Structure formats: C-alpha cells, structure tokens
Amino acid sequence: MTAPTERPRGGKHVVARTDEIPPGSRRIVELDGRQIGIFNIDGEYVAFLHRCPHMSGPLCEGAVIGLVESSGPGDVRLDESRKFLTCPLHGWEFDVHTGQSYFDPKRVKAKRFPVEVRSGADVAADAPAAAPGAPGTPEADTGAAPEADGRVPGPYTAETFEVVVEQDYVVVSTGRPRRK
C-alpha cells in the first residue's frame, strides 16, 4: 500500500501517474482514512473500497476475472468483456462497472469511487498556491512583509523557466457525487 495522499483537491486525489498502474495491475492507497483499490482493467481505471460488503474481506486483493457462463455440462464459455472483482475471503464476485454482487445482485454492492485520467497540465493548474511564509516563498526567504499587491521588495532577481507537465494522472474522487 502506498502512503496517504497529502493534499486533497476538493475530494479529488491524485493517486498515480497512468504508467504506474499499467493494464492488469492495481494499487491500494489510503484516501480520507479509507483504503481504496485502483485497478487498470484493459486501459480503464476503476476504484473500489478495499472492504468486501459480504464479510469485510480484503476485496481489492482479489483476482479480476471474466464471466464464466454455461448452459449445461460440457458447455463452458468465458466472456472476457464482462469483468468481475473476486473477494479472496469467500469468492464473492462484483461487477467492475457497477459494483453489483453476482451472488446477491438485489441487495449487495461493493462501494465504487469515480476515477478520471487528467493531464498533468490540468492537475498542475488545480494545485493550490503556497501559503504565505511557506518554504520557497519570498516571506520565508527574506522575512519581509509583502506589499498590497503581494510582491516583496528586495535586491534580487529571479530566473524563471517555463514548466510543462506531460504526464497523465489517475485521479480518484472520494467526495459525495453531486446531484443534478
């Protein structure tokens, strides 16, 4: 499991670069005090609470499998287009797109979280500005108070560089969904 994210962005958490969760893999992280598993299933990212609703087993440690169907003895088909997350404790299966239980579809669902892939430029644009006095800010460096426009006078010149972020990031939303 990775370390908790340090800075939620309005209920949104950057959990990894897309290349850190390649197809067929998962990452379990702690967000807002909850363990959440993020899966890359054939290039699509999904996230589940790391607790099975059946008996609180470690759901996100289970296998992701295709649907096995049979109309009778000797007739077995594997449908790889329908994926299920299998709890390792008792084998309960949950649809990766809906969270619906395959064993008790009317009453049991695994908790899912919205996941999106965002460009590095969008993630950087959403990053909060440093608080006055934080390391790297003029107030911390010189001890001088800022003027009304936020600038700190001083005998220095800063060299600047353009920053370009070219990675895509996996972002999980833990807040409540907004109703339309």
Protein backbone atom coordinates (compact mmCIF):
# COMPACT_ATOMS: atom_id res chain seq x y z
CA MET A 1 0.00 0.00 0.00
CA THR A 2 1.24 3.49 -0.77
CA ALA A 3 1.38 6.41 1.62
CA PRO A 4 -1.76 8.54 2.01
CA THR A 5 -2.11 11.48 -0.30
CA GLU A 6 -1.13 14.70 1.38
CA ARG A 7 -3.38 17.23 -0.27
CA PRO A 8 -6.98 16.52 -1.25
CA ARG A 9 -8.31 18.71 -4.04
CA GLY A 10 -11.96 19.15 -3.10
CA GLY A 11 -12.42 15.43 -2.60
CA LYS A 12 -10.19 14.60 -5.58
CA HIS A 13 -6.88 12.85 -5.02
CA VAL A 14 -4.06 12.29 -7.48
CA VAL A 15 -3.06 8.69 -6.78
CA ALA A 16 -0.54 7.86 -9.51
CA ARG A 17 0.77 8.56 -12.97
CA THR A 18 -1.04 6.42 -15.53
CA ASP A 19 2.16 4.49 -16.27
CA GLU A 20 2.42 3.49 -12.59
CA ILE A 21 -0.77 1.40 -12.87
CA PRO A 22 -0.35 -0.49 -16.16
CA PRO A 23 -3.16 -2.66 -17.62
CA GLY A 24 -3.82 -5.71 -15.45
CA SER A 25 -2.43 -4.13 -12.27
CA ARG A 26 -3.77 -2.40 -9.18
CA ARG A 27 -2.65 -0.05 -6.45
CA ILE A 28 -4.13 0.14 -2.95
CA VAL A 29 -3.94 3.58 -1.34
CA GLU A 30 -5.35 5.33 1.71
CA LEU A 31 -7.60 8.31 0.94
CA ASP A 32 -9.57 10.22 3.58
CA GLY A 33 -8.92 7.43 6.10
CA ARG A 34 -10.20 4.66 3.77
CA GLN A 35 -8.24 2.04 1.87
CA ILE A 36 -9.18 2.14 -1.81
CA GLY A 37 -8.01 -0.13 -4.62
CA ILE A 38 -7.47 1.40 -8.06
CA PHE A 39 -7.41 -1.06 -10.96
CA ASN A 40 -6.40 -0.68 -14.60
CA ILE A 41 -8.65 -3.13 -16.43
CA ASP A 42 -7.78 -3.17 -20.12
CA GLY A 43 -6.93 0.55 -20.02
CA GLU A 44 -9.98 1.57 -17.96
CA TYR A 45 -9.44 2.69 -14.37
CA VAL A 46 -11.91 1.67 -11.65
CA ALA A 47 -11.72 2.11 -7.87
CA PHE A 48 -13.30 0.12 -5.03
CA LEU A 49 -13.35 0.36 -1.26
CA HIS A 50 -10.87 -2.27 -0.04
CA ARG A 51 -13.54 -3.99 2.05
CA CYS A 52 -15.95 -6.64 0.80
CA PRO A 53 -19.57 -5.84 1.77
CA HIS A 54 -20.18 -9.57 2.41
CA MET A 55 -17.82 -10.14 5.37
CA SER A 56 -15.34 -7.23 5.25
CA GLY A 57 -12.64 -9.24 3.47
CA PRO A 58 -9.73 -7.55 1.64
CA LEU A 59 -11.70 -7.12 -1.60
CA CYS A 60 -9.03 -5.33 -3.64
CA GLU A 61 -6.53 -8.14 -3.16
CA GLY A 62 -8.79 -10.45 -5.17
CA ALA A 63 -8.49 -11.54 -8.79
CA VAL A 64 -10.15 -9.74 -11.68
CA ILE A 65 -11.79 -12.40 -13.84
CA GLY A 66 -14.03 -12.68 -16.88
CA LEU A 67 -17.57 -14.05 -16.68
CA VAL A 68 -17.80 -17.85 -16.96
CA GLU A 69 -21.14 -18.98 -18.42
CA SER A 70 -22.62 -22.42 -19.01
CA SER A 71 -25.93 -23.67 -20.38
CA GLY A 72 -25.18 -27.22 -19.26
CA PRO A 73 -22.49 -29.88 -18.81
CA GLY A 74 -19.67 -29.57 -21.31
CA ASP A 75 -20.74 -26.09 -22.43
CA VAL A 76 -18.44 -23.54 -20.81
CA ARG A 77 -17.79 -20.06 -22.21
CA LEU A 78 -15.53 -17.31 -20.92
CA ASP A 79 -16.78 -13.78 -21.60
CA GLU A 80 -13.73 -11.53 -21.17
CA SER A 81 -15.82 -8.44 -21.96
CA ARG A 82 -17.58 -8.70 -18.57
CA LYS A 83 -15.12 -8.38 -15.69
CA PHE A 84 -15.63 -9.20 -12.02
CA LEU A 85 -13.55 -8.48 -8.93
CA THR A 86 -13.44 -11.59 -6.73
CA CYS A 87 -13.11 -11.30 -2.95
CA PRO A 88 -10.26 -13.57 -1.79
CA LEU A 89 -12.04 -14.38 1.51
CA HIS A 90 -15.16 -16.20 0.23
CA GLY A 91 -15.05 -15.79 -3.55
CA TRP A 92 -17.91 -13.29 -3.90
CA GLU A 93 -17.80 -11.58 -7.29
CA PHE A 94 -18.58 -7.93 -8.05
CA ASP A 95 -19.11 -6.38 -11.48
CA VAL A 96 -16.25 -3.91 -12.01
CA HIS A 97 -18.51 -1.38 -13.76
CA THR A 98 -21.42 -1.34 -11.31
CA GLY A 99 -20.11 -2.89 -8.07
CA GLN A 100 -23.14 -5.21 -8.18
CA SER A 101 -22.73 -8.59 -6.48
CA TYR A 102 -23.07 -11.62 -8.75
CA PHE A 103 -24.30 -13.73 -5.79
CA ASP A 104 -26.89 -11.31 -4.38
CA PRO A 105 -27.46 -8.64 -7.05
CA LYS A 106 -30.57 -7.14 -5.46
CA ARG A 107 -29.05 -6.35 -2.08
CA VAL A 108 -25.25 -6.27 -2.14
CA LYS A 109 -22.92 -3.83 -3.94
CA ALA A 110 -19.25 -3.10 -3.48
CA LYS A 111 -18.50 0.59 -2.91
CA ARG A 112 -17.06 2.18 -6.05
CA PHE A 113 -15.39 5.57 -6.43
CA PRO A 114 -15.28 7.78 -9.54
CA VAL A 115 -11.93 7.73 -11.35
CA GLU A 116 -10.70 10.00 -14.10
CA VAL A 117 -7.49 10.42 -16.05
CA ARG A 118 -6.33 14.03 -16.14
CA SER A 119 -3.47 15.65 -17.97
CA GLY A 120 -0.53 16.89 -15.95
CA ALA A 121 -1.28 20.45 -17.06
CA ASP A 122 -4.82 20.21 -15.63
CA VAL A 123 -3.53 18.72 -12.37
CA ALA A 124 -0.90 21.46 -12.07
CA ALA A 125 -3.48 24.17 -12.78
CA ASP A 126 -5.65 22.84 -9.93
CA ALA A 127 -2.78 22.76 -7.42
CA PRO A 128 -3.28 25.25 -4.59
CA ALA A 129 -0.85 28.15 -4.29
CA ALA A 130 1.70 28.08 -1.48
CA ALA A 131 0.61 29.79 1.71
CA PRO A 132 2.48 32.98 2.66
CA GLY A 133 5.54 32.08 4.70
CA ALA A 134 5.74 28.54 3.31
CA PRO A 135 9.22 27.33 2.33
CA GLY A 136 10.20 28.74 -1.05
CA THR A 137 8.01 31.84 -0.76
CA PRO A 138 9.55 35.34 -0.54
CA GLU A 139 8.28 35.82 3.03
CA ALA A 140 10.08 32.71 4.20
CA ASP A 141 13.25 33.59 2.31
CA THR A 142 13.61 37.24 3.36
CA GLY A 143 11.34 37.75 6.32
CA ALA A 144 9.96 40.86 4.60
CA ALA A 145 6.25 41.55 4.59
CA PRO A 146 4.56 41.61 1.18
CA GLU A 147 3.21 44.82 -0.29
CA ALA A 148 -0.51 45.21 -1.05
CA ASP A 149 -0.06 43.57 -4.45
CA GLY A 150 1.71 40.56 -2.88
CA ARG A 151 5.25 41.44 -4.01
CA VAL A 152 8.13 41.58 -1.56
CA PRO A 153 10.72 44.29 -2.24
CA GLY A 154 14.29 43.19 -2.32
CA PRO A 155 17.56 43.37 -4.19
CA TYR A 156 17.15 40.13 -6.07
CA THR A 157 16.16 38.89 -9.49
CA ALA A 158 14.61 35.51 -10.07
CA GLU A 159 15.39 33.46 -13.10
CA THR A 160 12.25 31.82 -14.44
CA PHE A 161 11.66 28.73 -16.55
CA GLU A 162 8.60 27.51 -18.36
CA VAL A 163 7.24 24.34 -16.77
CA VAL A 164 5.48 21.78 -18.92
CA VAL A 165 3.84 18.70 -17.40
CA GLU A 166 3.42 15.96 -19.99
CA GLN A 167 2.24 13.01 -17.90
CA ASP A 168 -1.36 11.90 -17.38
CA TYR A 169 -2.54 11.18 -13.84
CA VAL A 170 -5.15 8.92 -12.25
CA VAL A 171 -7.48 10.98 -10.02
CA VAL A 172 -9.97 9.40 -7.56
CA SER A 173 -12.94 11.35 -6.17
CA THR A 174 -13.89 10.46 -2.60
CA GLY A 175 -16.48 13.18 -2.03
CA ARG A 176 -20.19 12.63 -2.43
CA PRO A 177 -21.39 12.84 -6.02
CA ARG A 178 -23.28 15.99 -6.88
CA ARG A 179 -26.93 15.51 -7.75
CA LYS A 180 -28.16 17.16 -10.90
